[in-house]
N, C-alpha and C. Protein backbone atom coordinates (compact mmCIF):
# COMPACT_ATOMS: atom_id res chain seq x y z
N SER A 1 14.55 -0.06 -12.15
CA SER A 1 14.52 -0.26 -10.70
C SER A 1 13.09 -0.58 -10.27
N GLN A 2 12.96 -1.06 -9.05
CA GLN A 2 11.63 -1.42 -8.54
C GLN A 2 10.73 -0.20 -8.45
N CYS A 3 11.31 0.92 -8.04
CA CYS A 3 10.54 2.16 -7.93
C CYS A 3 9.99 2.57 -9.29
N GLU A 4 10.85 2.48 -10.33
CA GLU A 4 10.40 2.86 -11.68
C GLU A 4 9.35 1.92 -12.22
N THR A 5 9.54 0.63 -12.00
CA THR A 5 8.56 -0.37 -12.46
C THR A 5 7.21 -0.08 -11.84
N PHE A 6 7.21 0.21 -10.55
CA PHE A 6 5.98 0.52 -9.83
C PHE A 6 5.34 1.79 -10.41
N GLN A 7 6.15 2.84 -10.61
CA GLN A 7 5.62 4.09 -11.14
C GLN A 7 5.04 3.90 -12.54
N ASN A 8 5.72 3.08 -13.36
CA ASN A 8 5.22 2.84 -14.72
C ASN A 8 3.90 2.09 -14.69
N ALA A 9 3.79 1.10 -13.81
CA ALA A 9 2.55 0.34 -13.68
C ALA A 9 1.43 1.27 -13.22
N MET A 10 1.75 2.14 -12.25
CA MET A 10 0.76 3.10 -11.75
C MET A 10 0.33 4.04 -12.88
N SER A 11 1.30 4.44 -13.71
CA SER A 11 1.02 5.40 -14.78
C SER A 11 0.04 4.84 -15.81
N GLN A 12 0.14 3.54 -16.10
CA GLN A 12 -0.75 2.98 -17.11
C GLN A 12 -2.21 3.07 -16.69
N GLY A 13 -2.50 2.72 -15.44
CA GLY A 13 -3.87 2.85 -14.95
C GLY A 13 -4.25 4.31 -14.79
N SER A 14 -3.27 5.15 -14.52
CA SER A 14 -3.52 6.57 -14.22
C SER A 14 -4.05 7.35 -15.41
N GLY A 15 -3.63 6.98 -16.61
CA GLY A 15 -4.06 7.73 -17.80
C GLY A 15 -5.57 7.73 -17.92
N ARG A 16 -6.18 6.55 -17.77
CA ARG A 16 -7.63 6.43 -17.89
C ARG A 16 -8.33 7.11 -16.72
N VAL A 17 -7.76 6.94 -15.53
CA VAL A 17 -8.36 7.54 -14.34
C VAL A 17 -8.27 9.07 -14.42
N ALA A 18 -7.12 9.58 -14.86
CA ALA A 18 -6.93 11.03 -14.98
C ALA A 18 -7.98 11.64 -15.90
N LYS A 19 -8.22 10.98 -17.03
CA LYS A 19 -9.21 11.46 -18.00
C LYS A 19 -10.59 11.49 -17.33
N ALA A 20 -10.92 10.44 -16.59
CA ALA A 20 -12.23 10.35 -15.94
C ALA A 20 -12.40 11.45 -14.89
N VAL A 21 -11.33 11.72 -14.13
CA VAL A 21 -11.38 12.75 -13.08
C VAL A 21 -11.57 14.13 -13.71
N VAL A 22 -10.80 14.42 -14.76
CA VAL A 22 -10.87 15.73 -15.42
C VAL A 22 -12.24 15.95 -16.06
N GLU A 23 -12.83 14.87 -16.58
CA GLU A 23 -14.16 15.00 -17.20
C GLU A 23 -15.27 15.19 -16.15
N ALA A 24 -15.09 14.62 -14.97
CA ALA A 24 -16.16 14.62 -13.97
C ALA A 24 -16.14 15.84 -13.05
N TYR A 25 -14.95 16.34 -12.76
CA TYR A 25 -14.84 17.37 -11.71
C TYR A 25 -14.52 18.74 -12.31
N ASP A 26 -15.17 19.77 -11.78
CA ASP A 26 -14.95 21.13 -12.26
C ASP A 26 -13.86 21.80 -11.43
N PHE A 27 -12.70 22.02 -12.04
CA PHE A 27 -11.54 22.61 -11.34
C PHE A 27 -11.49 24.13 -11.49
N SER A 28 -12.51 24.72 -12.13
CA SER A 28 -12.39 26.13 -12.54
C SER A 28 -12.25 27.12 -11.38
N GLY A 29 -12.73 26.77 -10.18
CA GLY A 29 -12.62 27.73 -9.08
C GLY A 29 -11.29 27.69 -8.34
N ILE A 30 -10.36 26.86 -8.81
CA ILE A 30 -9.09 26.66 -8.11
C ILE A 30 -7.98 27.46 -8.80
N GLY A 31 -7.11 28.09 -8.02
CA GLY A 31 -6.00 28.84 -8.60
C GLY A 31 -4.72 28.02 -8.67
N ARG A 32 -4.40 27.34 -7.56
CA ARG A 32 -3.17 26.54 -7.51
C ARG A 32 -3.45 25.24 -6.75
N ILE A 33 -3.20 24.14 -7.41
CA ILE A 33 -3.50 22.83 -6.85
C ILE A 33 -2.21 22.02 -6.70
N ALA A 34 -2.09 21.30 -5.60
CA ALA A 34 -0.95 20.40 -5.42
C ALA A 34 -1.44 18.96 -5.53
N ASP A 35 -0.77 18.19 -6.37
CA ASP A 35 -1.04 16.75 -6.45
C ASP A 35 -0.06 16.10 -5.48
N VAL A 36 -0.58 15.68 -4.32
CA VAL A 36 0.24 15.18 -3.22
C VAL A 36 0.37 13.66 -3.36
N GLY A 37 1.63 13.21 -3.44
CA GLY A 37 1.86 11.80 -3.76
C GLY A 37 1.53 11.56 -5.22
N GLY A 38 1.81 12.58 -6.03
CA GLY A 38 1.36 12.60 -7.43
C GLY A 38 2.16 11.76 -8.41
N GLY A 39 3.16 11.02 -7.92
CA GLY A 39 3.90 10.11 -8.81
C GLY A 39 4.56 10.86 -9.95
N HIS A 40 4.37 10.34 -11.17
CA HIS A 40 5.01 10.94 -12.34
C HIS A 40 4.18 12.04 -12.99
N GLY A 41 3.11 12.47 -12.32
CA GLY A 41 2.43 13.69 -12.75
C GLY A 41 1.39 13.54 -13.84
N LEU A 42 0.96 12.30 -14.14
CA LEU A 42 -0.04 12.12 -15.19
C LEU A 42 -1.36 12.82 -14.86
N LEU A 43 -1.83 12.67 -13.63
CA LEU A 43 -3.10 13.30 -13.25
C LEU A 43 -2.97 14.82 -13.30
N LEU A 44 -1.88 15.35 -12.72
CA LEU A 44 -1.70 16.80 -12.71
C LEU A 44 -1.58 17.35 -14.13
N ALA A 45 -0.85 16.64 -14.99
CA ALA A 45 -0.71 17.08 -16.38
C ALA A 45 -2.08 17.15 -17.06
N ALA A 46 -2.93 16.17 -16.80
CA ALA A 46 -4.27 16.14 -17.41
C ALA A 46 -5.12 17.30 -16.88
N ILE A 47 -5.01 17.56 -15.58
CA ILE A 47 -5.77 18.66 -14.97
C ILE A 47 -5.32 20.00 -15.56
N LEU A 48 -4.00 20.21 -15.68
CA LEU A 48 -3.48 21.47 -16.22
C LEU A 48 -3.84 21.63 -17.69
N ALA A 49 -3.82 20.53 -18.43
CA ALA A 49 -4.16 20.59 -19.86
C ALA A 49 -5.60 21.04 -20.05
N ALA A 50 -6.48 20.58 -19.15
CA ALA A 50 -7.91 20.89 -19.29
C ALA A 50 -8.29 22.24 -18.67
N ASN A 51 -7.38 22.81 -17.88
CA ASN A 51 -7.67 24.06 -17.16
C ASN A 51 -6.54 25.05 -17.36
N PRO A 52 -6.57 25.78 -18.47
CA PRO A 52 -5.41 26.59 -18.88
C PRO A 52 -5.00 27.71 -17.92
N ARG A 53 -5.87 28.08 -16.97
CA ARG A 53 -5.48 29.15 -16.03
C ARG A 53 -4.94 28.59 -14.72
N LEU A 54 -5.03 27.30 -14.55
CA LEU A 54 -4.66 26.66 -13.28
C LEU A 54 -3.15 26.46 -13.17
N HIS A 55 -2.62 26.66 -11.97
CA HIS A 55 -1.22 26.34 -11.69
C HIS A 55 -1.18 25.11 -10.80
N GLY A 56 -0.09 24.34 -10.91
CA GLY A 56 -0.02 23.09 -10.17
C GLY A 56 1.34 22.83 -9.55
N VAL A 57 1.34 22.02 -8.50
CA VAL A 57 2.57 21.55 -7.86
C VAL A 57 2.51 20.03 -7.82
N LEU A 58 3.56 19.39 -8.30
CA LEU A 58 3.66 17.95 -8.20
C LEU A 58 4.54 17.64 -6.99
N PHE A 59 3.97 16.95 -6.01
CA PHE A 59 4.68 16.71 -4.75
C PHE A 59 4.78 15.21 -4.51
N ASP A 60 6.00 14.72 -4.34
CA ASP A 60 6.20 13.30 -4.03
C ASP A 60 7.60 13.13 -3.45
N ARG A 61 7.95 11.91 -3.13
CA ARG A 61 9.26 11.63 -2.55
C ARG A 61 10.36 12.01 -3.54
N PRO A 62 11.54 12.37 -3.04
CA PRO A 62 12.62 12.84 -3.92
C PRO A 62 12.94 11.88 -5.07
N GLU A 63 12.98 10.57 -4.79
CA GLU A 63 13.36 9.62 -5.86
C GLU A 63 12.29 9.55 -6.95
N VAL A 64 11.04 9.83 -6.59
CA VAL A 64 9.95 9.83 -7.57
C VAL A 64 10.03 11.10 -8.42
N ILE A 65 10.17 12.24 -7.75
CA ILE A 65 10.27 13.53 -8.46
C ILE A 65 11.47 13.53 -9.41
N ALA A 66 12.56 12.91 -8.99
CA ALA A 66 13.78 12.85 -9.82
C ALA A 66 13.54 12.07 -11.11
N SER A 67 12.55 11.17 -11.11
CA SER A 67 12.35 10.33 -12.30
C SER A 67 11.10 10.72 -13.12
N VAL A 68 10.55 11.92 -12.87
CA VAL A 68 9.41 12.39 -13.67
C VAL A 68 9.89 12.58 -15.11
N PRO A 69 9.16 12.01 -16.10
CA PRO A 69 9.59 12.18 -17.50
C PRO A 69 9.74 13.65 -17.87
N LYS A 70 10.81 13.95 -18.58
CA LYS A 70 11.15 15.34 -18.90
C LYS A 70 10.05 16.04 -19.70
N ASP A 71 9.29 15.25 -20.48
CA ASP A 71 8.28 15.87 -21.35
C ASP A 71 6.88 15.86 -20.73
N ARG A 72 6.77 15.49 -19.46
CA ARG A 72 5.44 15.35 -18.84
C ARG A 72 4.61 16.62 -18.92
N PHE A 73 5.25 17.78 -18.74
CA PHE A 73 4.50 19.04 -18.68
C PHE A 73 4.84 19.96 -19.86
N THR A 74 5.19 19.37 -20.99
CA THR A 74 5.56 20.16 -22.17
C THR A 74 4.47 21.18 -22.50
N GLY A 75 4.90 22.44 -22.66
CA GLY A 75 3.97 23.50 -23.00
C GLY A 75 3.29 24.10 -21.77
N ARG A 76 3.51 23.48 -20.63
CA ARG A 76 2.88 23.98 -19.40
C ARG A 76 3.92 24.19 -18.29
N GLU A 77 5.18 24.22 -18.68
CA GLU A 77 6.27 24.33 -17.69
C GLU A 77 6.11 25.56 -16.79
N ASP A 78 5.57 26.63 -17.36
CA ASP A 78 5.43 27.88 -16.60
C ASP A 78 4.31 27.80 -15.56
N ARG A 79 3.50 26.73 -15.62
CA ARG A 79 2.38 26.62 -14.68
C ARG A 79 2.56 25.47 -13.69
N VAL A 80 3.74 24.86 -13.67
CA VAL A 80 3.93 23.72 -12.78
C VAL A 80 5.23 23.83 -12.00
N ALA A 81 5.19 23.40 -10.75
CA ALA A 81 6.40 23.33 -9.92
C ALA A 81 6.54 21.89 -9.43
N LEU A 82 7.78 21.40 -9.39
CA LEU A 82 8.05 20.08 -8.83
C LEU A 82 8.60 20.28 -7.43
N ASP A 83 8.08 19.52 -6.48
CA ASP A 83 8.45 19.72 -5.08
C ASP A 83 8.64 18.34 -4.45
N ALA A 84 9.80 18.11 -3.85
CA ALA A 84 10.11 16.80 -3.26
C ALA A 84 10.02 16.85 -1.74
N GLY A 85 9.38 15.85 -1.16
CA GLY A 85 9.28 15.77 0.29
C GLY A 85 8.37 14.63 0.69
N SER A 86 8.13 14.52 2.00
CA SER A 86 7.24 13.49 2.54
C SER A 86 5.95 14.12 3.02
N PHE A 87 4.81 13.56 2.59
CA PHE A 87 3.53 14.13 3.00
C PHE A 87 3.18 13.82 4.46
N PHE A 88 4.06 13.12 5.17
CA PHE A 88 3.87 12.98 6.61
C PHE A 88 4.56 14.11 7.36
N GLU A 89 5.41 14.88 6.62
CA GLU A 89 6.15 15.98 7.25
C GLU A 89 5.65 17.35 6.82
N ARG A 90 5.25 17.46 5.54
CA ARG A 90 4.76 18.76 5.06
C ARG A 90 4.00 18.56 3.76
N VAL A 91 3.26 19.60 3.39
CA VAL A 91 2.63 19.66 2.07
C VAL A 91 2.97 21.02 1.46
N PRO A 92 2.87 21.17 0.13
CA PRO A 92 3.27 22.45 -0.48
C PRO A 92 2.47 23.65 0.04
N ASP A 93 3.14 24.80 0.05
CA ASP A 93 2.52 26.05 0.49
C ASP A 93 1.72 26.71 -0.62
N ASN A 94 0.90 27.69 -0.22
CA ASN A 94 0.21 28.60 -1.15
C ASN A 94 -0.67 27.89 -2.17
N CYS A 95 -1.36 26.85 -1.74
CA CYS A 95 -2.30 26.15 -2.62
C CYS A 95 -3.71 26.37 -2.10
N ASP A 96 -4.67 26.43 -3.01
CA ASP A 96 -6.05 26.48 -2.51
C ASP A 96 -6.76 25.15 -2.73
N ALA A 97 -6.00 24.15 -3.21
CA ALA A 97 -6.56 22.79 -3.27
C ALA A 97 -5.42 21.78 -3.23
N TYR A 98 -5.72 20.65 -2.60
CA TYR A 98 -4.82 19.49 -2.63
C TYR A 98 -5.60 18.32 -3.20
N ILE A 99 -4.97 17.58 -4.09
CA ILE A 99 -5.60 16.39 -4.63
C ILE A 99 -4.70 15.19 -4.34
N MET A 100 -5.32 14.07 -4.00
CA MET A 100 -4.57 12.84 -3.78
C MET A 100 -5.33 11.69 -4.44
N LYS A 101 -4.66 10.98 -5.31
CA LYS A 101 -5.28 9.83 -5.96
C LYS A 101 -4.69 8.54 -5.41
N HIS A 102 -5.58 7.69 -4.91
CA HIS A 102 -5.16 6.38 -4.41
C HIS A 102 -4.03 6.47 -3.39
N ILE A 103 -4.07 7.49 -2.53
CA ILE A 103 -3.06 7.62 -1.48
C ILE A 103 -3.68 7.21 -0.15
N ILE A 104 -4.83 7.80 0.14
CA ILE A 104 -5.47 7.62 1.44
C ILE A 104 -5.76 6.14 1.72
N HIS A 105 -6.09 5.38 0.68
CA HIS A 105 -6.44 3.97 0.94
C HIS A 105 -5.22 3.12 1.32
N ASP A 106 -4.03 3.66 1.15
CA ASP A 106 -2.82 2.93 1.54
C ASP A 106 -2.53 3.02 3.03
N TRP A 107 -3.24 3.90 3.73
CA TRP A 107 -2.83 4.22 5.09
C TRP A 107 -3.96 4.10 6.10
N SER A 108 -3.56 3.89 7.36
CA SER A 108 -4.50 3.82 8.47
C SER A 108 -5.10 5.20 8.72
N ASP A 109 -6.18 5.23 9.51
CA ASP A 109 -6.81 6.51 9.86
C ASP A 109 -5.82 7.47 10.52
N ALA A 110 -4.96 6.92 11.39
CA ALA A 110 -3.99 7.78 12.10
C ALA A 110 -3.00 8.42 11.12
N HIS A 111 -2.51 7.64 10.15
CA HIS A 111 -1.61 8.20 9.13
C HIS A 111 -2.35 9.26 8.30
N CYS A 112 -3.59 8.95 7.94
CA CYS A 112 -4.37 9.88 7.11
C CYS A 112 -4.60 11.19 7.85
N LYS A 113 -4.83 11.09 9.17
CA LYS A 113 -5.06 12.30 9.97
C LYS A 113 -3.82 13.20 9.93
N THR A 114 -2.63 12.59 9.98
CA THR A 114 -1.39 13.37 9.90
C THR A 114 -1.35 14.18 8.60
N ILE A 115 -1.65 13.53 7.49
CA ILE A 115 -1.62 14.20 6.17
C ILE A 115 -2.68 15.29 6.11
N LEU A 116 -3.91 14.95 6.51
CA LEU A 116 -5.02 15.91 6.43
C LEU A 116 -4.82 17.09 7.38
N ASP A 117 -4.22 16.85 8.55
CA ASP A 117 -3.93 17.95 9.48
C ASP A 117 -2.97 18.96 8.84
N LEU A 118 -1.96 18.44 8.13
CA LEU A 118 -0.99 19.32 7.46
C LEU A 118 -1.69 20.17 6.41
N MET A 119 -2.63 19.57 5.68
CA MET A 119 -3.37 20.30 4.65
C MET A 119 -4.29 21.34 5.28
N ARG A 120 -4.96 20.94 6.37
CA ARG A 120 -5.91 21.84 7.04
C ARG A 120 -5.18 23.09 7.53
N ALA A 121 -3.95 22.91 8.02
CA ALA A 121 -3.18 24.04 8.55
C ALA A 121 -2.78 25.03 7.46
N LYS A 122 -2.66 24.56 6.21
CA LYS A 122 -2.19 25.42 5.12
C LYS A 122 -3.30 26.00 4.26
N LEU A 123 -4.45 25.36 4.22
CA LEU A 123 -5.48 25.78 3.27
C LEU A 123 -6.17 27.07 3.70
N PRO A 124 -6.50 27.93 2.71
CA PRO A 124 -7.31 29.11 3.03
C PRO A 124 -8.75 28.66 3.31
N PRO A 125 -9.59 29.55 3.85
CA PRO A 125 -10.98 29.18 4.18
C PRO A 125 -11.76 28.63 2.97
N HIS A 126 -11.45 29.12 1.77
CA HIS A 126 -12.18 28.65 0.58
C HIS A 126 -11.52 27.41 -0.04
N GLY A 127 -10.48 26.89 0.62
CA GLY A 127 -9.73 25.77 0.04
C GLY A 127 -10.49 24.46 0.06
N ARG A 128 -9.91 23.47 -0.63
CA ARG A 128 -10.54 22.15 -0.62
C ARG A 128 -9.53 21.03 -0.78
N VAL A 129 -9.92 19.87 -0.30
CA VAL A 129 -9.15 18.65 -0.48
C VAL A 129 -9.96 17.72 -1.35
N LEU A 130 -9.30 17.14 -2.35
CA LEU A 130 -9.97 16.20 -3.26
C LEU A 130 -9.28 14.85 -3.17
N LEU A 131 -10.03 13.84 -2.79
CA LEU A 131 -9.49 12.49 -2.75
C LEU A 131 -10.10 11.70 -3.90
N CYS A 132 -9.24 11.11 -4.73
CA CYS A 132 -9.73 10.24 -5.80
C CYS A 132 -9.60 8.81 -5.31
N GLU A 133 -10.71 8.25 -4.90
CA GLU A 133 -10.71 6.93 -4.27
C GLU A 133 -11.98 6.17 -4.65
N LEU A 134 -11.95 4.88 -4.40
CA LEU A 134 -13.16 4.08 -4.49
C LEU A 134 -13.95 4.30 -3.20
N VAL A 135 -15.26 4.32 -3.32
CA VAL A 135 -16.11 4.45 -2.13
C VAL A 135 -16.86 3.14 -1.96
N VAL A 136 -16.75 2.55 -0.79
CA VAL A 136 -17.46 1.30 -0.51
C VAL A 136 -18.94 1.63 -0.29
N THR A 137 -19.81 0.95 -1.04
CA THR A 137 -21.25 1.20 -0.90
C THR A 137 -21.91 -0.04 -0.31
N GLY A 138 -23.20 0.05 -0.08
CA GLY A 138 -23.91 -1.08 0.51
C GLY A 138 -24.34 -2.13 -0.50
N GLU A 139 -23.92 -1.97 -1.79
CA GLU A 139 -24.44 -2.92 -2.77
C GLU A 139 -23.95 -4.34 -2.51
N LYS A 140 -24.81 -5.31 -2.84
CA LYS A 140 -24.52 -6.72 -2.58
C LYS A 140 -23.48 -7.25 -3.57
N GLY A 141 -22.78 -8.29 -3.14
CA GLY A 141 -21.86 -8.96 -4.05
C GLY A 141 -20.53 -8.24 -4.14
N PRO A 142 -19.60 -8.80 -4.93
CA PRO A 142 -18.26 -8.20 -5.03
C PRO A 142 -18.30 -6.92 -5.85
N THR A 143 -17.68 -5.88 -5.34
CA THR A 143 -17.53 -4.63 -6.08
C THR A 143 -16.04 -4.33 -6.14
N PRO A 144 -15.60 -3.47 -7.07
CA PRO A 144 -14.17 -3.14 -7.12
C PRO A 144 -13.64 -2.67 -5.76
N ALA A 145 -14.45 -1.86 -5.05
CA ALA A 145 -13.98 -1.33 -3.76
C ALA A 145 -13.81 -2.45 -2.73
N LYS A 146 -14.75 -3.39 -2.71
CA LYS A 146 -14.64 -4.48 -1.73
C LYS A 146 -13.44 -5.37 -2.02
N LEU A 147 -13.22 -5.66 -3.31
CA LEU A 147 -12.08 -6.51 -3.68
C LEU A 147 -10.78 -5.81 -3.35
N LEU A 148 -10.71 -4.51 -3.62
CA LEU A 148 -9.50 -3.76 -3.33
C LEU A 148 -9.30 -3.66 -1.81
N ASP A 149 -10.40 -3.59 -1.07
CA ASP A 149 -10.33 -3.52 0.38
C ASP A 149 -9.60 -4.74 0.93
N ILE A 150 -9.92 -5.91 0.40
CA ILE A 150 -9.27 -7.15 0.85
C ILE A 150 -7.78 -7.09 0.53
N GLU A 151 -7.48 -6.62 -0.67
CA GLU A 151 -6.07 -6.49 -1.10
C GLU A 151 -5.31 -5.54 -0.17
N MET A 152 -5.94 -4.40 0.19
CA MET A 152 -5.27 -3.41 1.02
C MET A 152 -4.98 -3.97 2.42
N LEU A 153 -5.88 -4.80 2.93
CA LEU A 153 -5.64 -5.42 4.24
C LEU A 153 -4.38 -6.26 4.20
N VAL A 154 -4.16 -6.90 3.05
CA VAL A 154 -3.03 -7.82 2.92
C VAL A 154 -1.72 -7.06 2.69
N VAL A 155 -1.75 -6.03 1.85
CA VAL A 155 -0.48 -5.44 1.39
C VAL A 155 -0.09 -4.12 2.05
N THR A 156 -0.94 -3.54 2.90
CA THR A 156 -0.59 -2.23 3.46
C THR A 156 -0.60 -2.25 4.98
N GLU A 157 -0.14 -1.15 5.53
CA GLU A 157 -0.09 -0.94 6.99
C GLU A 157 -1.38 -0.24 7.41
N GLY A 158 -2.45 -1.02 7.59
CA GLY A 158 -3.70 -0.40 8.03
C GLY A 158 -4.50 0.27 6.92
N GLY A 159 -4.10 0.07 5.68
CA GLY A 159 -4.84 0.67 4.56
C GLY A 159 -6.17 -0.03 4.35
N LYS A 160 -7.15 0.70 3.79
CA LYS A 160 -8.46 0.10 3.52
C LYS A 160 -9.26 1.00 2.61
N GLU A 161 -10.24 0.40 1.95
CA GLU A 161 -11.23 1.22 1.24
C GLU A 161 -12.24 1.68 2.28
N ARG A 162 -12.84 2.85 2.05
CA ARG A 162 -13.73 3.42 3.05
C ARG A 162 -15.12 3.73 2.49
N THR A 163 -16.09 3.74 3.39
CA THR A 163 -17.45 4.14 3.02
C THR A 163 -17.55 5.66 3.09
N GLU A 164 -18.67 6.20 2.60
CA GLU A 164 -18.89 7.64 2.68
C GLU A 164 -18.82 8.12 4.13
N GLU A 165 -19.41 7.35 5.05
CA GLU A 165 -19.41 7.72 6.47
C GLU A 165 -17.98 7.73 7.03
N GLU A 166 -17.18 6.76 6.59
CA GLU A 166 -15.79 6.70 7.08
C GLU A 166 -14.96 7.87 6.55
N PHE A 167 -15.20 8.25 5.27
CA PHE A 167 -14.51 9.43 4.74
C PHE A 167 -14.93 10.67 5.53
N ALA A 168 -16.23 10.79 5.80
CA ALA A 168 -16.74 11.96 6.53
C ALA A 168 -16.09 12.05 7.91
N ALA A 169 -15.96 10.92 8.59
CA ALA A 169 -15.36 10.90 9.93
C ALA A 169 -13.87 11.24 9.86
N LEU A 170 -13.19 10.73 8.83
CA LEU A 170 -11.77 11.01 8.63
C LEU A 170 -11.56 12.52 8.46
N PHE A 171 -12.38 13.13 7.61
CA PHE A 171 -12.29 14.57 7.37
C PHE A 171 -12.60 15.36 8.65
N ALA A 172 -13.67 14.97 9.33
CA ALA A 172 -14.11 15.71 10.53
C ALA A 172 -13.01 15.72 11.59
N ALA A 173 -12.26 14.64 11.68
CA ALA A 173 -11.19 14.54 12.69
C ALA A 173 -10.08 15.55 12.44
N SER A 174 -9.97 16.04 11.20
CA SER A 174 -8.93 17.03 10.87
C SER A 174 -9.51 18.42 10.59
N GLY A 175 -10.77 18.64 10.98
CA GLY A 175 -11.35 19.98 10.81
C GLY A 175 -11.89 20.25 9.42
N PHE A 176 -12.24 19.19 8.68
CA PHE A 176 -12.86 19.34 7.37
C PHE A 176 -14.31 18.85 7.42
N ARG A 177 -15.05 19.20 6.38
CA ARG A 177 -16.41 18.69 6.20
C ARG A 177 -16.48 18.07 4.81
N LEU A 178 -16.98 16.85 4.72
CA LEU A 178 -17.18 16.23 3.41
C LEU A 178 -18.28 17.00 2.70
N SER A 179 -17.96 17.65 1.58
CA SER A 179 -18.96 18.49 0.92
C SER A 179 -19.70 17.76 -0.18
N ARG A 180 -19.01 16.90 -0.94
CA ARG A 180 -19.73 16.12 -1.96
C ARG A 180 -18.85 15.00 -2.49
N ILE A 181 -19.51 14.04 -3.10
CA ILE A 181 -18.81 12.94 -3.76
C ILE A 181 -19.23 12.98 -5.23
N VAL A 182 -18.24 13.19 -6.10
CA VAL A 182 -18.51 13.32 -7.53
C VAL A 182 -18.12 12.01 -8.23
N PRO A 183 -19.09 11.27 -8.76
CA PRO A 183 -18.72 10.02 -9.44
C PRO A 183 -18.00 10.29 -10.75
N THR A 184 -17.19 9.35 -11.20
CA THR A 184 -16.53 9.47 -12.51
C THR A 184 -16.91 8.25 -13.34
N ALA A 185 -16.44 8.24 -14.59
CA ALA A 185 -16.74 7.13 -15.49
C ALA A 185 -15.99 5.85 -15.10
N ARG A 186 -15.02 5.97 -14.23
CA ARG A 186 -14.28 4.79 -13.73
C ARG A 186 -14.87 4.40 -12.38
N PRO A 187 -14.53 3.22 -11.85
CA PRO A 187 -15.05 2.89 -10.51
C PRO A 187 -14.31 3.69 -9.43
N MET A 188 -14.38 4.98 -9.53
CA MET A 188 -13.68 5.86 -8.61
C MET A 188 -14.44 7.17 -8.53
N ALA A 189 -14.39 7.80 -7.36
CA ALA A 189 -15.07 9.08 -7.19
C ALA A 189 -14.09 10.15 -6.77
N VAL A 190 -14.46 11.41 -6.97
CA VAL A 190 -13.71 12.53 -6.42
C VAL A 190 -14.46 12.96 -5.16
N ILE A 191 -13.80 12.76 -4.01
CA ILE A 191 -14.42 13.04 -2.72
C ILE A 191 -13.88 14.38 -2.26
N GLU A 192 -14.79 15.35 -2.16
CA GLU A 192 -14.39 16.74 -1.90
C GLU A 192 -14.68 17.12 -0.45
N ALA A 193 -13.68 17.71 0.19
CA ALA A 193 -13.86 18.21 1.56
C ALA A 193 -13.44 19.67 1.60
N VAL A 194 -14.10 20.43 2.48
CA VAL A 194 -13.77 21.84 2.68
C VAL A 194 -13.53 22.07 4.18
N PRO A 195 -12.79 23.13 4.52
CA PRO A 195 -12.59 23.43 5.94
C PRO A 195 -13.94 23.59 6.66
N ALA A 196 -14.08 22.94 7.80
CA ALA A 196 -15.35 22.98 8.53
C ALA A 196 -15.50 24.32 9.23
């Protein structure tokens, strides 16, 4: 199906990105993390594999969750929950971190505020939001973020790549503070926000 083809294509790029995120970011202070819009769970599986005490929730639309490969979390079944729903309506409960990879760039600021507001309402004071996205910088010439920005204008409803200042403003509008941007080995960063 079209949904499966899309998920498989996403998964191929995700393997390399997941490895880069796990190598770059320290997840050790987190108890339970939800991968929101997490697709078939490649990123979450990599995070759980590298952090044996961490628990995770894979959250995505029902048709996506229904097609998660049965062996995705082999050996870690006791540390993962699958949860189906829309991130415009709710996000999983009892998490001290939410991670989203390549989700925010698909949506306008207003859509992103809806998602971030839901997270802000659920997170404890020590909680955090992690966005795995490209960050548009001031460097001259074509960069992956700039090229993807053009693509997002064409294929999404108000989606775009954002600068550090734009991420900071997006977070501030939902009661978060951008705490740091952690670069990875791929052209992608882990953008961390905490409750303001």
